[in-house]
Amino acid sequence: MYISFGGIILMFVSAGTAFLARTKLSGFLARIVLAFSFICMVVAGLIVAYIVIGGPTSNFMR
């Protein structure tokens, strides 16, 4: 459960930093922030894929 929360938080961080880089920053700093945003989105996607492919667990609601 907490791993999926981490993925969701990374998605919010990615969206926020991409918005910041596109609207407020320029030049080299914007590229660095966009790269960070992309890395956060890739990691979040991998986490979500892991959770979805893993499926339900056998000890659900014990």
Protein backbone atom coordinates (compact mmCIF):
# COMPACT_ATOMS: atom_id res chain seq x y z
CA MET A 1 0.00 0.00 0.00
CA TYR A 2 2.74 2.43 0.93
CA ILE A 3 4.64 1.69 -2.26
CA SER A 4 1.62 2.76 -4.31
CA PHE A 5 1.36 5.97 -2.26
CA GLY A 6 4.98 6.64 -3.15
CA GLY A 7 4.14 6.22 -6.84
CA ILE A 8 1.22 8.63 -6.57
CA ILE A 9 3.36 11.20 -4.74
CA LEU A 10 6.05 10.88 -7.42
CA MET A 11 3.41 11.58 -10.07
CA PHE A 12 2.37 14.76 -8.28
CA VAL A 13 6.02 15.81 -7.90
CA SER A 14 6.58 15.16 -11.59
CA ALA A 15 3.57 17.21 -12.65
CA GLY A 16 4.51 20.05 -10.32
CA THR A 17 8.12 20.24 -11.41
CA ALA A 18 7.16 20.04 -15.10
CA PHE A 19 4.72 22.91 -14.61
CA LEU A 20 7.36 24.90 -12.74
CA ALA A 21 9.98 24.30 -15.42
CA ARG A 22 7.64 25.22 -18.28
CA THR A 23 6.23 28.39 -16.74
CA LYS A 24 8.80 29.90 -14.37
CA LEU A 25 12.24 28.66 -15.39
CA SER A 26 14.30 29.00 -18.52
CA GLY A 27 17.56 27.79 -19.95
CA PHE A 28 19.72 25.12 -18.42
CA LEU A 29 17.89 25.08 -15.08
CA ALA A 30 14.60 24.34 -16.83
CA ARG A 31 16.18 21.37 -18.61
CA ILE A 32 17.52 19.99 -15.34
CA VAL A 33 14.12 20.31 -13.64
CA LEU A 34 12.40 18.72 -16.65
CA ALA A 35 14.87 15.83 -16.54
CA PHE A 36 14.09 15.37 -12.84
CA SER A 37 10.38 15.45 -13.68
CA PHE A 38 10.83 12.80 -16.35
CA ILE A 39 12.79 10.55 -13.99
CA CYS A 40 10.08 10.89 -11.35
CA MET A 41 7.40 9.96 -13.89
CA VAL A 42 9.33 6.90 -15.10
CA VAL A 43 9.91 5.67 -11.55
CA ALA A 44 6.25 6.28 -10.69
CA GLY A 45 5.18 4.37 -13.80
CA LEU A 46 7.39 1.43 -12.85
CA ILE A 47 5.96 1.42 -9.33
CA VAL A 48 2.38 1.49 -10.62
CA ALA A 49 3.14 -1.27 -13.14
CA TYR A 50 4.64 -3.39 -10.35
CA ILE A 51 1.55 -2.91 -8.19
CA VAL A 52 -0.89 -3.63 -11.03
CA ILE A 53 0.97 -6.68 -12.34
CA GLY A 54 1.41 -8.01 -8.81
CA GLY A 55 -2.35 -8.16 -8.40
CA PRO A 56 -4.15 -8.80 -5.15
CA THR A 57 -2.29 -10.47 -2.33
CA SER A 58 -3.36 -13.60 -0.53
CA ASN A 59 -3.47 -11.89 2.87
CA PHE A 60 -5.98 -9.22 1.83
CA MET A 61 -8.10 -7.98 4.78
CA ARG A 62 -6.81 -10.39 7.42
